[in-house]
Amino acid sequence: MHPGGENRSQVDESGYFLPIYQPLTQTKEILDQVTSESYDRLVAILEQFPTAKITLHINACLTQTISGTSREASGYERA
């Protein structure tokens, strides 16, 4: 039960704010680990709840790194 008493078995309609960050100098090994342990899990959860609303705060260097350096390891493709 949600602290307010109502059942929150579905995604809260207000959405969630998710900040994700990796430094520009992050090693490929660490980035691949973070991708498999966090980012891949996040994508899997969002696929289970296609109407979920999120605000993703991600820095530009991380989007460039994911779309380049770790794309092969993570399965992410450039949009």
C-alpha atoms as a PDB file:
ATOM      1  CA  MET A   1       0.000   0.000   0.000  1.00  0.00           C
ATOM      2  CA  HIS A   2       1.054   3.552  -0.721  1.00  0.00           C
ATOM      3  CA  PRO A   3       1.565   5.731   2.388  1.00  0.00           C
ATOM      4  CA  GLY A   4      -1.636   7.572   1.457  1.00  0.00           C
ATOM      5  CA  GLY A   5      -3.563   4.293   1.756  1.00  0.00           C
ATOM      6  CA  GLU A   6      -4.492   3.788  -1.888  1.00  0.00           C
ATOM      7  CA  ASN A   7      -3.179   0.828  -3.876  1.00  0.00           C
ATOM      8  CA  ARG A   8      -0.388   1.913  -6.234  1.00  0.00           C
ATOM      9  CA  SER A   9      -0.084  -1.275  -8.279  1.00  0.00           C
ATOM     10  CA  GLN A  10       0.060   0.786 -11.460  1.00  0.00           C
ATOM     11  CA  VAL A  11       2.573   3.444 -12.393  1.00  0.00           C
ATOM     12  CA  ASP A  12       1.942   6.797 -10.744  1.00  0.00           C
ATOM     13  CA  GLU A  13       0.502   9.115 -13.402  1.00  0.00           C
ATOM     14  CA  SER A  14       2.701  12.010 -12.305  1.00  0.00           C
ATOM     15  CA  GLY A  15       5.803  10.179 -13.548  1.00  0.00           C
ATOM     16  CA  TYR A  16       9.273   9.922 -12.120  1.00  0.00           C
ATOM     17  CA  PHE A  17      12.404  12.057 -12.371  1.00  0.00           C
ATOM     18  CA  LEU A  18      15.458   9.896 -13.090  1.00  0.00           C
ATOM     19  CA  PRO A  19      18.883  11.527 -13.164  1.00  0.00           C
ATOM     20  CA  ILE A  20      21.620   9.342 -14.642  1.00  0.00           C
ATOM     21  CA  TYR A  21      25.209  10.431 -14.962  1.00  0.00           C
ATOM     22  CA  GLN A  22      28.609   9.040 -15.863  1.00  0.00           C
ATOM     23  CA  PRO A  23      31.723  11.194 -16.166  1.00  0.00           C
ATOM     24  CA  LEU A  24      33.192  11.770 -19.603  1.00  0.00           C
ATOM     25  CA  THR A  25      36.355   9.993 -18.448  1.00  0.00           C
ATOM     26  CA  GLN A  26      34.526   6.831 -17.326  1.00  0.00           C
ATOM     27  CA  THR A  27      36.228   3.604 -18.418  1.00  0.00           C
ATOM     28  CA  LYS A  28      34.494   1.328 -20.913  1.00  0.00           C
ATOM     29  CA  GLU A  29      34.506  -1.522 -18.382  1.00  0.00           C
ATOM     30  CA  ILE A  30      32.694   0.510 -15.728  1.00  0.00           C
ATOM     31  CA  LEU A  31      30.271   1.988 -18.248  1.00  0.00           C
ATOM     32  CA  ASP A  32      29.427  -1.486 -19.560  1.00  0.00           C
ATOM     33  CA  GLN A  33      28.856  -2.692 -15.978  1.00  0.00           C
ATOM     34  CA  VAL A  34      26.610   0.279 -15.149  1.00  0.00           C
ATOM     35  CA  THR A  35      24.749  -0.232 -18.423  1.00  0.00           C
ATOM     36  CA  SER A  36      24.004  -3.892 -17.699  1.00  0.00           C
ATOM     37  CA  GLU A  37      23.222  -3.380 -14.001  1.00  0.00           C
ATOM     38  CA  SER A  38      21.177  -0.168 -14.302  1.00  0.00           C
ATOM     39  CA  TYR A  39      20.318   1.182 -17.724  1.00  0.00           C
ATOM     40  CA  ASP A  40      19.322  -2.182 -19.231  1.00  0.00           C
ATOM     41  CA  ARG A  41      17.131  -2.875 -16.192  1.00  0.00           C
ATOM     42  CA  LEU A  42      15.502   0.532 -16.522  1.00  0.00           C
ATOM     43  CA  VAL A  43      14.705  -0.125 -20.191  1.00  0.00           C
ATOM     44  CA  ALA A  44      13.260  -3.550 -19.314  1.00  0.00           C
ATOM     45  CA  ILE A  45      10.989  -2.014 -16.662  1.00  0.00           C
ATOM     46  CA  LEU A  46       9.829   0.703 -19.047  1.00  0.00           C
ATOM     47  CA  GLU A  47       9.033  -1.958 -21.651  1.00  0.00           C
ATOM     48  CA  GLN A  48       6.790  -3.668 -19.066  1.00  0.00           C
ATOM     49  CA  PHE A  49       4.927  -0.395 -18.472  1.00  0.00           C
ATOM     50  CA  PRO A  50       4.608   1.260 -21.901  1.00  0.00           C
ATOM     51  CA  THR A  51       2.381   4.058 -20.566  1.00  0.00           C
ATOM     52  CA  ALA A  52       4.819   5.003 -17.790  1.00  0.00           C
ATOM     53  CA  LYS A  53       5.916   8.613 -17.736  1.00  0.00           C
ATOM     54  CA  ILE A  54       9.458   9.569 -16.807  1.00  0.00           C
ATOM     55  CA  THR A  55      11.694  12.571 -17.041  1.00  0.00           C
ATOM     56  CA  LEU A  56      15.194  11.354 -17.801  1.00  0.00           C
ATOM     57  CA  HIS A  57      17.954  13.798 -16.945  1.00  0.00           C
ATOM     58  CA  ILE A  58      21.000  12.583 -18.865  1.00  0.00           C
ATOM     59  CA  ASN A  59      24.081  14.562 -19.829  1.00  0.00           C
ATOM     60  CA  ALA A  60      25.090  14.849 -23.484  1.00  0.00           C
ATOM     61  CA  CYS A  61      28.432  13.088 -23.086  1.00  0.00           C
ATOM     62  CA  LEU A  62      26.663  10.006 -21.678  1.00  0.00           C
ATOM     63  CA  THR A  63      24.281   9.831 -24.635  1.00  0.00           C
ATOM     64  CA  GLN A  64      27.258  10.084 -26.979  1.00  0.00           C
ATOM     65  CA  THR A  65      29.184   7.453 -25.041  1.00  0.00           C
ATOM     66  CA  ILE A  66      26.261   5.009 -24.926  1.00  0.00           C
ATOM     67  CA  SER A  67      25.579   5.463 -28.622  1.00  0.00           C
ATOM     68  CA  GLY A  68      29.240   4.918 -29.456  1.00  0.00           C
ATOM     69  CA  THR A  69      31.578   3.232 -27.002  1.00  0.00           C
ATOM     70  CA  SER A  70      29.259   0.730 -25.332  1.00  0.00           C
ATOM     71  CA  ARG A  71      26.653   0.264 -28.062  1.00  0.00           C
ATOM     72  CA  GLU A  72      27.911  -3.212 -28.977  1.00  0.00           C
ATOM     73  CA  ALA A  73      27.980  -4.380 -25.363  1.00  0.00           C
ATOM     74  CA  SER A  74      24.608  -2.965 -24.367  1.00  0.00           C
ATOM     75  CA  GLY A  75      22.550  -3.495 -27.497  1.00  0.00           C
ATOM     76  CA  TYR A  76      21.551   0.177 -27.600  1.00  0.00           C
ATOM     77  CA  GLU A  77      21.251   1.678 -31.047  1.00  0.00           C
ATOM     78  CA  ARG A  78      21.504   5.282 -32.071  1.00  0.00           C
ATOM     79  CA  ALA A  79      18.030   6.755 -32.596  1.00  0.00           C
END
